[in-house]
PDB file of all heavy atoms in Angstrom:
ATOM      1  N   LEU A   1     -16.017   2.190  -3.163  1.00  0.00           N
ATOM      2  CA  LEU A   1     -14.764   1.812  -3.750  1.00  0.00           C
ATOM      3  C   LEU A   1     -13.782   1.000  -2.903  1.00  0.00           C
ATOM      4  O   LEU A   1     -12.845   0.524  -3.554  1.00  0.00           O
ATOM      5  CB  LEU A   1     -14.090   3.270  -4.097  1.00  0.00           C
ATOM      6  CG  LEU A   1     -14.695   4.017  -5.172  1.00  0.00           C
ATOM      7  CD1 LEU A   1     -13.847   5.248  -5.509  1.00  0.00           C
ATOM      8  CD2 LEU A   1     -14.818   3.297  -6.518  1.00  0.00           C
ATOM      9  N   ASP A   2     -13.987   0.978  -1.668  1.00  0.00           N
ATOM     10  CA  ASP A   2     -13.118   0.146  -0.806  1.00  0.00           C
ATOM     11  C   ASP A   2     -11.716   0.575  -1.042  1.00  0.00           C
ATOM     12  O   ASP A   2     -10.796  -0.181  -1.401  1.00  0.00           O
ATOM     13  CB  ASP A   2     -13.273  -1.278  -1.190  1.00  0.00           C
ATOM     14  CG  ASP A   2     -12.614  -2.263  -0.040  1.00  0.00           C
ATOM     15  OD1 ASP A   2     -12.316  -1.641   1.039  1.00  0.00           O
ATOM     16  OD2 ASP A   2     -12.357  -3.379  -0.251  1.00  0.00           O
ATOM     17  N   ILE A   3     -11.423   1.899  -0.669  1.00  0.00           N
ATOM     18  CA  ILE A   3     -10.072   2.452  -0.922  1.00  0.00           C
ATOM     19  C   ILE A   3      -9.064   1.984   0.106  1.00  0.00           C
ATOM     20  O   ILE A   3      -9.375   1.903   1.206  1.00  0.00           O
ATOM     21  CB  ILE A   3     -10.207   4.030  -0.958  1.00  0.00           C
ATOM     22  CG1 ILE A   3     -11.195   4.496  -1.832  1.00  0.00           C
ATOM     23  CG2 ILE A   3      -8.752   4.663  -0.979  1.00  0.00           C
ATOM     24  CD1 ILE A   3     -11.383   5.946  -1.819  1.00  0.00           C
ATOM     25  N   ASN A   4      -7.873   1.527  -0.508  1.00  0.00           N
ATOM     26  CA  ASN A   4      -6.787   1.070   0.306  1.00  0.00           C
ATOM     27  C   ASN A   4      -6.101   2.452   0.709  1.00  0.00           C
ATOM     28  O   ASN A   4      -5.149   2.926   0.085  1.00  0.00           O
ATOM     29  CB  ASN A   4      -5.819   0.162  -0.331  1.00  0.00           C
ATOM     30  CG  ASN A   4      -4.764  -0.530   0.531  1.00  0.00           C
ATOM     31  OD1 ASN A   4      -4.746  -0.186   1.779  1.00  0.00           O
ATOM     32  ND2 ASN A   4      -4.135  -1.433  -0.032  1.00  0.00           N
ATOM     33  N   VAL A   5      -6.270   2.753   2.063  1.00  0.00           N
ATOM     34  CA  VAL A   5      -5.744   4.066   2.523  1.00  0.00           C
ATOM     35  C   VAL A   5      -4.250   3.918   2.576  1.00  0.00           C
ATOM     36  O   VAL A   5      -3.470   4.918   2.275  1.00  0.00           O
ATOM     37  CB  VAL A   5      -6.401   4.488   3.890  1.00  0.00           C
ATOM     38  CG1 VAL A   5      -5.753   5.826   4.371  1.00  0.00           C
ATOM     39  CG2 VAL A   5      -7.870   4.567   3.706  1.00  0.00           C
ATOM     40  N   ALA A   6      -3.725   2.839   3.075  1.00  0.00           N
ATOM     41  CA  ALA A   6      -2.200   2.708   3.351  1.00  0.00           C
ATOM     42  C   ALA A   6      -1.543   2.720   2.012  1.00  0.00           C
ATOM     43  O   ALA A   6      -0.458   3.466   1.929  1.00  0.00           O
ATOM     44  CB  ALA A   6      -1.984   1.373   3.944  1.00  0.00           C
ATOM     45  N   LYS A   7      -1.997   2.185   0.919  1.00  0.00           N
ATOM     46  CA  LYS A   7      -1.378   2.237  -0.386  1.00  0.00           C
ATOM     47  C   LYS A   7      -1.551   3.617  -0.992  1.00  0.00           C
ATOM     48  O   LYS A   7      -0.616   4.113  -1.610  1.00  0.00           O
ATOM     49  CB  LYS A   7      -2.073   1.176  -1.260  1.00  0.00           C
ATOM     50  CG  LYS A   7      -1.430   1.019  -2.664  1.00  0.00           C
ATOM     51  CD  LYS A   7      -1.999  -0.032  -3.484  1.00  0.00           C
ATOM     52  CE  LYS A   7      -1.333  -0.183  -4.807  1.00  0.00           C
ATOM     53  NZ  LYS A   7      -2.039  -1.176  -5.676  1.00  0.00           N
ATOM     54  N   MET A   8      -2.738   4.319  -0.701  1.00  0.00           N
ATOM     55  CA  MET A   8      -2.855   5.686  -1.238  1.00  0.00           C
ATOM     56  C   MET A   8      -1.938   6.633  -0.610  1.00  0.00           C
ATOM     57  O   MET A   8      -1.397   7.568  -1.202  1.00  0.00           O
ATOM     58  CB  MET A   8      -4.325   6.054  -0.970  1.00  0.00           C
ATOM     59  CG  MET A   8      -4.691   7.388  -1.598  1.00  0.00           C
ATOM     60  SD  MET A   8      -6.360   7.872  -1.282  1.00  0.00           S
ATOM     61  CE  MET A   8      -6.426   7.835   0.428  1.00  0.00           C
ATOM     62  N   ARG A   9      -1.490   6.415   0.563  1.00  0.00           N
ATOM     63  CA  ARG A   9      -0.597   7.318   1.301  1.00  0.00           C
ATOM     64  C   ARG A   9       0.856   7.053   1.050  1.00  0.00           C
ATOM     65  O   ARG A   9       1.790   7.832   1.625  1.00  0.00           O
ATOM     66  CB  ARG A   9      -0.849   7.215   2.877  1.00  0.00           C
ATOM     67  CG  ARG A   9      -2.268   7.742   3.302  1.00  0.00           C
ATOM     68  CD  ARG A   9      -2.351   9.286   3.268  1.00  0.00           C
ATOM     69  NE  ARG A   9      -3.569   9.655   3.691  1.00  0.00           N
ATOM     70  CZ  ARG A   9      -3.771  11.048   3.834  1.00  0.00           C
ATOM     71  NH1 ARG A   9      -2.875  11.961   3.722  1.00  0.00           N
ATOM     72  NH2 ARG A   9      -5.052  11.456   4.250  1.00  0.00           N
ATOM     73  N   GLU A  10       1.161   6.072   0.234  1.00  0.00           N
ATOM     74  CA  GLU A  10       2.558   5.735   0.148  1.00  0.00           C
ATOM     75  C   GLU A  10       3.353   6.795  -0.687  1.00  0.00           C
ATOM     76  O   GLU A  10       4.486   7.144  -0.275  1.00  0.00           O
ATOM     77  CB  GLU A  10       2.673   4.451  -0.696  1.00  0.00           C
ATOM     78  CG  GLU A  10       2.306   3.177   0.110  1.00  0.00           C
ATOM     79  CD  GLU A  10       2.431   1.921  -0.690  1.00  0.00           C
ATOM     80  OE1 GLU A  10       2.671   2.064  -1.938  1.00  0.00           O
ATOM     81  OE2 GLU A  10       2.289   0.812  -0.098  1.00  0.00           O
ATOM     82  N   GLY A  11       2.775   7.384  -1.570  1.00  0.00           N
ATOM     83  CA  GLY A  11       3.462   8.470  -2.402  1.00  0.00           C
ATOM     84  C   GLY A  11       3.183   9.881  -1.959  1.00  0.00           C
ATOM     85  O   GLY A  11       3.299  10.804  -2.681  1.00  0.00           O
ATOM     86  N   PHE A  12       2.567  10.069  -0.674  1.00  0.00           N
ATOM     87  CA  PHE A  12       2.195  11.314  -0.172  1.00  0.00           C
ATOM     88  C   PHE A  12       3.393  12.290  -0.045  1.00  0.00           C
ATOM     89  O   PHE A  12       3.315  13.435  -0.413  1.00  0.00           O
ATOM     90  CB  PHE A  12       1.378  11.276   0.998  1.00  0.00           C
ATOM     91  CG  PHE A  12       0.896  12.490   1.658  1.00  0.00           C
ATOM     92  CD1 PHE A  12      -0.206  13.212   1.182  1.00  0.00           C
ATOM     93  CD2 PHE A  12       1.637  13.039   2.793  1.00  0.00           C
ATOM     94  CE1 PHE A  12      -0.570  14.297   1.657  1.00  0.00           C
ATOM     95  CE2 PHE A  12       1.273  14.212   3.269  1.00  0.00           C
ATOM     96  CZ  PHE A  12       0.166  14.834   2.848  1.00  0.00           C
ATOM     97  N   VAL A  13       4.406  11.752   0.374  1.00  0.00           N
ATOM     98  CA  VAL A  13       5.619  12.608   0.738  1.00  0.00           C
ATOM     99  C   VAL A  13       6.208  13.047  -0.542  1.00  0.00           C
ATOM    100  O   VAL A  13       6.744  14.242  -0.572  1.00  0.00           O
ATOM    101  CB  VAL A  13       6.618  11.768   1.717  1.00  0.00           C
ATOM    102  CG1 VAL A  13       7.879  12.673   1.899  1.00  0.00           C
ATOM    103  CG2 VAL A  13       5.930  11.410   2.823  1.00  0.00           C
ATOM    104  N   SER A  14       6.286  12.288  -1.596  1.00  0.00           N
ATOM    105  CA  SER A  14       6.839  12.781  -2.911  1.00  0.00           C
ATOM    106  C   SER A  14       6.102  13.943  -3.522  1.00  0.00           C
ATOM    107  O   SER A  14       6.761  14.709  -4.251  1.00  0.00           O
ATOM    108  CB  SER A  14       6.984  11.491  -3.796  1.00  0.00           C
ATOM    109  OG  SER A  14       5.672  11.036  -4.152  1.00  0.00           O
ATOM    110  N   TYR A  15       4.824  13.936  -3.214  1.00  0.00           N
ATOM    111  CA  TYR A  15       4.040  15.040  -3.906  1.00  0.00           C
ATOM    112  C   TYR A  15       3.898  16.183  -2.958  1.00  0.00           C
ATOM    113  O   TYR A  15       3.227  17.254  -3.271  1.00  0.00           O
ATOM    114  CB  TYR A  15       2.586  14.510  -4.304  1.00  0.00           C
ATOM    115  CG  TYR A  15       2.562  13.495  -5.289  1.00  0.00           C
ATOM    116  CD1 TYR A  15       2.360  12.244  -5.102  1.00  0.00           C
ATOM    117  CD2 TYR A  15       2.850  13.960  -6.574  1.00  0.00           C
ATOM    118  CE1 TYR A  15       2.288  11.262  -6.051  1.00  0.00           C
ATOM    119  CE2 TYR A  15       2.932  13.011  -7.689  1.00  0.00           C
ATOM    120  CZ  TYR A  15       2.538  11.571  -7.372  1.00  0.00           C
ATOM    121  OH  TYR A  15       2.502  10.669  -8.364  1.00  0.00           O
ATOM    122  N   LEU A  16       4.395  16.184  -1.767  1.00  0.00           N
ATOM    123  CA  LEU A  16       4.371  17.211  -0.784  1.00  0.00           C
ATOM    124  C   LEU A  16       4.931  18.458  -1.201  1.00  0.00           C
ATOM    125  O   LEU A  16       4.348  19.634  -1.124  1.00  0.00           O
ATOM    126  CB  LEU A  16       4.845  16.784   0.540  1.00  0.00           C
ATOM    127  CG  LEU A  16       4.730  17.684   1.760  1.00  0.00           C
ATOM    128  CD1 LEU A  16       3.277  17.901   2.079  1.00  0.00           C
ATOM    129  CD2 LEU A  16       5.372  17.162   3.120  1.00  0.00           C
ATOM    130  N   PRO A  17       6.129  18.550  -1.771  1.00  0.00           N
ATOM    131  CA  PRO A  17       6.738  19.815  -2.236  1.00  0.00           C
ATOM    132  C   PRO A  17       5.853  20.579  -3.276  1.00  0.00           C
ATOM    133  O   PRO A  17       5.726  21.760  -3.268  1.00  0.00           O
ATOM    134  CB  PRO A  17       8.180  19.450  -2.748  1.00  0.00           C
ATOM    135  CG  PRO A  17       8.461  18.127  -2.185  1.00  0.00           C
ATOM    136  CD  PRO A  17       7.273  17.392  -1.960  1.00  0.00           C
ATOM    137  N   VAL A  18       5.367  19.782  -4.147  1.00  0.00           N
ATOM    138  CA  VAL A  18       4.486  20.379  -5.304  1.00  0.00           C
ATOM    139  C   VAL A  18       3.151  20.992  -4.620  1.00  0.00           C
ATOM    140  O   VAL A  18       2.855  22.070  -4.878  1.00  0.00           O
ATOM    141  CB  VAL A  18       4.155  19.398  -6.245  1.00  0.00           C
ATOM    142  CG1 VAL A  18       3.277  19.997  -7.367  1.00  0.00           C
ATOM    143  CG2 VAL A  18       5.379  18.663  -6.973  1.00  0.00           C
ATOM    144  N   GLY A  19       2.686  20.276  -3.656  1.00  0.00           N
ATOM    145  CA  GLY A  19       1.443  20.777  -3.027  1.00  0.00           C
ATOM    146  C   GLY A  19       1.771  21.995  -2.200  1.00  0.00           C
ATOM    147  O   GLY A  19       0.921  22.935  -2.138  1.00  0.00           O
ATOM    148  N   ILE A  20       2.966  22.122  -1.575  1.00  0.00           N
ATOM    149  CA  ILE A  20       3.306  23.282  -0.786  1.00  0.00           C
ATOM    150  C   ILE A  20       3.379  24.524  -1.715  1.00  0.00           C
ATOM    151  O   ILE A  20       2.980  25.660  -1.465  1.00  0.00           O
ATOM    152  CB  ILE A  20       4.581  23.054  -0.001  1.00  0.00           C
ATOM    153  CG1 ILE A  20       4.278  22.030   1.184  1.00  0.00           C
ATOM    154  CG2 ILE A  20       5.116  24.414   0.641  1.00  0.00           C
ATOM    155  CD1 ILE A  20       5.511  21.517   1.863  1.00  0.00           C
ATOM    156  N   VAL A  21       3.993  24.282  -2.950  1.00  0.00           N
ATOM    157  CA  VAL A  21       4.290  25.350  -3.879  1.00  0.00           C
ATOM    158  C   VAL A  21       2.911  25.972  -4.347  1.00  0.00           C
ATOM    159  O   VAL A  21       2.655  27.074  -4.318  1.00  0.00           O
ATOM    160  CB  VAL A  21       5.074  24.878  -5.106  1.00  0.00           C
ATOM    161  CG1 VAL A  21       5.168  25.938  -6.214  1.00  0.00           C
ATOM    162  CG2 VAL A  21       6.428  24.668  -4.684  1.00  0.00           C
ATOM    163  N   PHE A  22       1.908  25.021  -4.727  1.00  0.00           N
ATOM    164  CA  PHE A  22       0.771  25.385  -5.192  1.00  0.00           C
ATOM    165  C   PHE A  22      -0.090  26.138  -4.002  1.00  0.00           C
ATOM    166  O   PHE A  22      -0.817  27.054  -4.213  1.00  0.00           O
ATOM    167  CB  PHE A  22      -0.145  24.315  -5.722  1.00  0.00           C
ATOM    168  CG  PHE A  22       0.154  24.085  -7.077  1.00  0.00           C
ATOM    169  CD1 PHE A  22       1.219  22.959  -7.449  1.00  0.00           C
ATOM    170  CD2 PHE A  22      -0.453  24.699  -8.186  1.00  0.00           C
ATOM    171  CE1 PHE A  22       1.352  22.696  -8.805  1.00  0.00           C
ATOM    172  CE2 PHE A  22       0.013  24.473  -9.468  1.00  0.00           C
ATOM    173  CZ  PHE A  22       0.752  23.387  -9.751  1.00  0.00           C
ATOM    174  N   ALA A  23       0.069  25.650  -2.859  1.00  0.00           N
ATOM    175  CA  ALA A  23      -0.628  26.320  -1.681  1.00  0.00           C
ATOM    176  C   ALA A  23      -0.079  27.718  -1.415  1.00  0.00           C
ATOM    177  O   ALA A  23      -0.888  28.644  -1.177  1.00  0.00           O
ATOM    178  CB  ALA A  23      -0.458  25.425  -0.507  1.00  0.00           C
ATOM    179  N   LEU A  24       1.148  27.905  -1.481  1.00  0.00           N
ATOM    180  CA  LEU A  24       1.745  29.213  -1.367  1.00  0.00           C
ATOM    181  C   LEU A  24       1.319  30.174  -2.522  1.00  0.00           C
ATOM    182  O   LEU A  24       1.073  31.473  -2.213  1.00  0.00           O
ATOM    183  CB  LEU A  24       3.351  29.091  -1.371  1.00  0.00           C
ATOM    184  CG  LEU A  24       3.870  28.503  -0.080  1.00  0.00           C
ATOM    185  CD1 LEU A  24       5.414  28.407  -0.165  1.00  0.00           C
ATOM    186  CD2 LEU A  24       3.451  29.107   1.168  1.00  0.00           C
ATOM    187  N   LEU A  25       1.237  29.666  -3.724  1.00  0.00           N
ATOM    188  CA  LEU A  25       0.726  30.453  -4.772  1.00  0.00           C
ATOM    189  C   LEU A  25      -0.716  31.016  -4.676  1.00  0.00           C
ATOM    190  O   LEU A  25      -1.080  31.981  -4.811  1.00  0.00           O
ATOM    191  CB  LEU A  25       0.842  29.632  -6.227  1.00  0.00           C
ATOM    192  CG  LEU A  25       2.295  29.542  -6.819  1.00  0.00           C
ATOM    193  CD1 LEU A  25       2.203  28.695  -7.882  1.00  0.00           C
ATOM    194  CD2 LEU A  25       2.912  30.925  -6.999  1.00  0.00           C
ATOM    195  N   MET A  26      -1.514  29.946  -4.071  1.00  0.00           N
ATOM    196  CA  MET A  26      -3.062  30.372  -3.881  1.00  0.00           C
ATOM    197  C   MET A  26      -3.037  31.345  -2.757  1.00  0.00           C
ATOM    198  O   MET A  26      -3.834  32.287  -2.868  1.00  0.00           O
ATOM    199  CB  MET A  26      -3.727  29.066  -3.577  1.00  0.00           C
ATOM    200  CG  MET A  26      -3.941  28.182  -4.759  1.00  0.00           C
ATOM    201  SD  MET A  26      -4.833  26.622  -4.280  1.00  0.00           S
ATOM    202  CE  MET A  26      -6.312  27.327  -3.701  1.00  0.00           C
ATOM    203  N   LEU A  27      -2.215  31.144  -1.741  1.00  0.00           N
ATOM    204  CA  LEU A  27      -2.159  32.088  -0.610  1.00  0.00           C
ATOM    205  C   LEU A  27      -1.696  33.510  -1.057  1.00  0.00           C
ATOM    206  O   LEU A  27      -2.297  34.520  -0.719  1.00  0.00           O
ATOM    207  CB  LEU A  27      -1.225  31.648   0.481  1.00  0.00           C
ATOM    208  CG  LEU A  27      -1.128  32.490   1.698  1.00  0.00           C
ATOM    209  CD1 LEU A  27      -2.521  32.641   2.393  1.00  0.00           C
ATOM    210  CD2 LEU A  27      -0.117  31.926   2.724  1.00  0.00           C
ATOM    211  N   ALA A  28      -0.802  33.604  -1.945  1.00  0.00           N
ATOM    212  CA  ALA A  28      -0.241  34.901  -2.490  1.00  0.00           C
ATOM    213  C   ALA A  28      -1.369  35.576  -3.300  1.00  0.00           C
ATOM    214  O   ALA A  28      -1.577  36.755  -3.216  1.00  0.00           O
ATOM    215  CB  ALA A  28       1.044  34.612  -3.383  1.00  0.00           C
ATOM    216  N   VAL A  29      -2.080  34.780  -4.130  1.00  0.00           N
ATOM    217  CA  VAL A  29      -3.252  35.316  -4.940  1.00  0.00           C
ATOM    218  C   VAL A  29      -4.311  35.969  -4.083  1.00  0.00           C
ATOM    219  O   VAL A  29      -4.788  36.909  -4.353  1.00  0.00           O
ATOM    220  CB  VAL A  29      -3.727  34.338  -5.903  1.00  0.00           C
ATOM    221  CG1 VAL A  29      -5.021  34.874  -6.580  1.00  0.00           C
ATOM    222  CG2 VAL A  29      -2.652  33.932  -6.940  1.00  0.00           C
ATOM    223  N   MET A  30      -4.649  35.066  -2.993  1.00  0.00           N
ATOM    224  CA  MET A  30      -5.641  35.505  -2.001  1.00  0.00           C
ATOM    225  C   MET A  30      -5.237  36.840  -1.271  1.00  0.00           C
ATOM    226  O   MET A  30      -6.074  37.788  -1.071  1.00  0.00           O
ATOM    227  CB  MET A  30      -6.037  34.501  -1.017  1.00  0.00           C
ATOM    228  CG  MET A  30      -6.597  33.219  -1.781  1.00  0.00           C
ATOM    229  SD  MET A  30      -6.806  31.823  -0.598  1.00  0.00           S
ATOM    230  CE  MET A  30      -7.883  32.610   0.764  1.00  0.00           C
ATOM    231  N   VAL A  31      -3.931  36.942  -0.834  1.00  0.00           N
ATOM    232  CA  VAL A  31      -3.492  38.111  -0.232  1.00  0.00           C
ATOM    233  C   VAL A  31      -3.483  39.305  -1.234  1.00  0.00           C
ATOM    234  O   VAL A  31      -3.855  40.434  -0.775  1.00  0.00           O
ATOM    235  CB  VAL A  31      -2.127  37.904   0.409  1.00  0.00           C
ATOM    236  CG1 VAL A  31      -1.457  39.133   0.902  1.00  0.00           C
ATOM    237  CG2 VAL A  31      -2.205  36.787   1.523  1.00  0.00           C
ATOM    238  N   TYR A  32      -3.183  39.010  -2.390  1.00  0.00           N
ATOM    239  CA  TYR A  32      -3.185  40.234  -3.355  1.00  0.00           C
ATOM    240  C   TYR A  32      -4.562  40.609  -3.585  1.00  0.00           C
ATOM    241  O   TYR A  32      -4.779  41.984  -3.740  1.00  0.00           O
ATOM    242  CB  TYR A  32      -2.524  39.624  -4.648  1.00  0.00           C
ATOM    243  CG  TYR A  32      -2.616  40.676  -5.730  1.00  0.00           C
ATOM    244  CD1 TYR A  32      -1.764  41.863  -5.827  1.00  0.00           C
ATOM    245  CD2 TYR A  32      -3.486  40.514  -6.896  1.00  0.00           C
ATOM    246  CE1 TYR A  32      -1.921  42.813  -6.804  1.00  0.00           C
ATOM    247  CE2 TYR A  32      -3.550  41.547  -7.835  1.00  0.00           C
ATOM    248  CZ  TYR A  32      -2.728  42.568  -7.867  1.00  0.00           C
ATOM    249  OH  TYR A  32      -2.839  43.475  -8.810  1.00  0.00           O
ATOM    250  N   VAL A  33      -5.485  39.775  -3.724  1.00  0.00           N
ATOM    251  CA  VAL A  33      -6.836  40.242  -4.032  1.00  0.00           C
ATOM    252  C   VAL A  33      -7.636  40.892  -2.829  1.00  0.00           C
ATOM    253  O   VAL A  33      -8.279  41.960  -2.954  1.00  0.00           O
ATOM    254  CB  VAL A  33      -7.720  38.994  -4.559  1.00  0.00           C
ATOM    255  CG1 VAL A  33      -9.231  39.409  -4.629  1.00  0.00           C
ATOM    256  CG2 VAL A  33      -7.192  38.473  -5.880  1.00  0.00           C
ATOM    257  N   VAL A  34      -7.419  40.299  -1.666  1.00  0.00           N
ATOM    258  CA  VAL A  34      -8.134  40.761  -0.564  1.00  0.00           C
ATOM    259  C   VAL A  34      -7.438  41.791   0.269  1.00  0.00           C
ATOM    260  O   VAL A  34      -8.009  42.685   0.925  1.00  0.00           O
ATOM    261  CB  VAL A  34      -8.447  39.626   0.462  1.00  0.00           C
ATOM    262  CG1 VAL A  34      -9.284  40.065   1.612  1.00  0.00           C
ATOM    263  CG2 VAL A  34      -9.203  38.484  -0.302  1.00  0.00           C
ATOM    264  N   GLY A  35      -6.085  41.819   0.143  1.00  0.00           N
ATOM    265  CA  GLY A  35      -5.223  42.726   0.911  1.00  0.00           C
ATOM    266  C   GLY A  35      -5.268  44.022   0.507  1.00  0.00           C
ATOM    267  O   GLY A  35      -5.950  44.465  -0.492  1.00  0.00           O
ATOM    268  N   PRO A  36      -4.600  44.936   1.137  1.00  0.00           N
ATOM    269  CA  PRO A  36      -4.653  46.408   0.938  1.00  0.00           C
ATOM    270  C   PRO A  36      -3.918  46.819  -0.477  1.00  0.00           C
ATOM    271  O   PRO A  36      -4.200  47.854  -0.998  1.00  0.00           O
ATOM    272  CB  PRO A  36      -3.939  47.186   2.120  1.00  0.00           C
ATOM    273  CG  PRO A  36      -3.091  46.012   2.728  1.00  0.00           C
ATOM    274  CD  PRO A  36      -3.732  44.749   2.354  1.00  0.00           C
ATOM    275  N   VAL A  37      -2.953  45.969  -0.965  1.00  0.00           N
ATOM    276  CA  VAL A  37      -2.162  46.310  -2.055  1.00  0.00           C
ATOM    277  C   VAL A  37      -2.912  45.856  -3.337  1.00  0.00           C
ATOM    278  O   VAL A  37      -2.564  46.415  -4.403  1.00  0.00           O
ATOM    279  CB  VAL A  37      -0.800  45.653  -2.020  1.00  0.00           C
ATOM    280  CG1 VAL A  37       0.263  46.585  -1.701  1.00  0.00           C
ATOM    281  CG2 VAL A  37      -0.736  44.442  -1.279  1.00  0.00           C
ATOM    282  N   GLY A  38      -3.804  44.983  -3.275  1.00  0.00           N
ATOM    283  CA  GLY A  38      -4.489  44.458  -4.450  1.00  0.00           C
ATOM    284  C   GLY A  38      -5.651  45.319  -4.816  1.00  0.00           C
ATOM    285  O   GLY A  38      -5.867  46.479  -4.247  1.00  0.00           O
ATOM    286  N   PRO A  39      -6.257  45.005  -5.921  1.00  0.00           N
ATOM    287  CA  PRO A  39      -7.282  45.696  -6.429  1.00  0.00           C
ATOM    288  C   PRO A  39      -8.441  45.811  -5.478  1.00  0.00           C
ATOM    289  O   PRO A  39      -8.781  44.789  -4.675  1.00  0.00           O
ATOM    290  CB  PRO A  39      -7.829  44.923  -7.830  1.00  0.00           C
ATOM    291  CG  PRO A  39      -7.387  43.545  -7.477  1.00  0.00           C
ATOM    292  CD  PRO A  39      -6.047  43.556  -6.660  1.00  0.00           C
ATOM    293  N   ASP A  40      -9.384  46.845  -5.601  1.00  0.00           N
ATOM    294  CA  ASP A  40     -10.304  47.090  -4.709  1.00  0.00           C
ATOM    295  C   ASP A  40     -11.679  46.296  -5.217  1.00  0.00           C
ATOM    296  O   ASP A  40     -12.548  46.946  -5.748  1.00  0.00           O
ATOM    297  CB  ASP A  40     -10.758  48.640  -4.551  1.00  0.00           C
ATOM    298  CG  ASP A  40     -11.643  48.904  -3.513  1.00  0.00           C
ATOM    299  OD1 ASP A  40     -11.930  47.886  -2.675  1.00  0.00           O
ATOM    300  OD2 ASP A  40     -12.070  49.938  -3.340  1.00  0.00           O
ATOM    301  N   VAL A  41     -11.565  44.959  -4.958  1.00  0.00           N
ATOM    302  CA  VAL A  41     -12.665  44.189  -5.475  1.00  0.00           C
ATOM    303  C   VAL A  41     -13.957  44.275  -4.522  1.00  0.00           C
ATOM    304  O   VAL A  41     -14.947  44.551  -5.080  1.00  0.00           O
ATOM    305  CB  VAL A  41     -12.163  42.656  -5.559  1.00  0.00           C
ATOM    306  CG1 VAL A  41     -13.304  41.742  -6.137  1.00  0.00           C
ATOM    307  CG2 VAL A  41     -10.944  42.439  -6.441  1.00  0.00           C
ATOM    308  N   MET A  42     -13.678  44.005  -3.252  1.00  0.00           N
ATOM    309  CA  MET A  42     -14.928  44.193  -2.435  1.00  0.00           C
ATOM    310  C   MET A  42     -14.494  45.263  -1.323  1.00  0.00           C
ATOM    311  O   MET A  42     -14.912  45.024  -0.170  1.00  0.00           O
ATOM    312  CB  MET A  42     -15.227  42.855  -1.819  1.00  0.00           C
ATOM    313  CG  MET A  42     -15.743  41.797  -2.696  1.00  0.00           C
ATOM    314  SD  MET A  42     -17.353  42.227  -3.404  1.00  0.00           S
ATOM    315  CE  MET A  42     -18.343  42.252  -2.033  1.00  0.00           C
ATOM    316  N   GLY A  43     -13.841  46.260  -1.736  1.00  0.00           N
ATOM    317  CA  GLY A  43     -13.427  47.302  -0.743  1.00  0.00           C
ATOM    318  C   GLY A  43     -14.520  48.376  -0.447  1.00  0.00           C
ATOM    319  O   GLY A  43     -15.746  48.121  -0.676  1.00  0.00           O
ATOM    320  N   THR A  44     -13.944  49.608  -0.180  1.00  0.00           N
ATOM    321  CA  THR A  44     -14.854  50.630   0.270  1.00  0.00           C
ATOM    322  C   THR A  44     -15.722  51.078  -1.013  1.00  0.00           C
ATOM    323  O   THR A  44     -16.871  51.472  -0.851  1.00  0.00           O
ATOM    324  CB  THR A  44     -14.089  51.876   0.814  1.00  0.00           C
ATOM    325  OG1 THR A  44     -13.077  52.218  -0.297  1.00  0.00           O
ATOM    326  CG2 THR A  44     -13.413  51.378   1.988  1.00  0.00           C
TER     327      THR A  44
END
């Protein structure tokens, strides 16, 4: 594809807040599923 990395990285900062929000949501879901408060999916 001969990707232009410099041009691709131009709008990276503008999308950073949205990426952080989704990352925190995924982290919260993982903590809920795996953690002690969540459902016993793979527990005892």
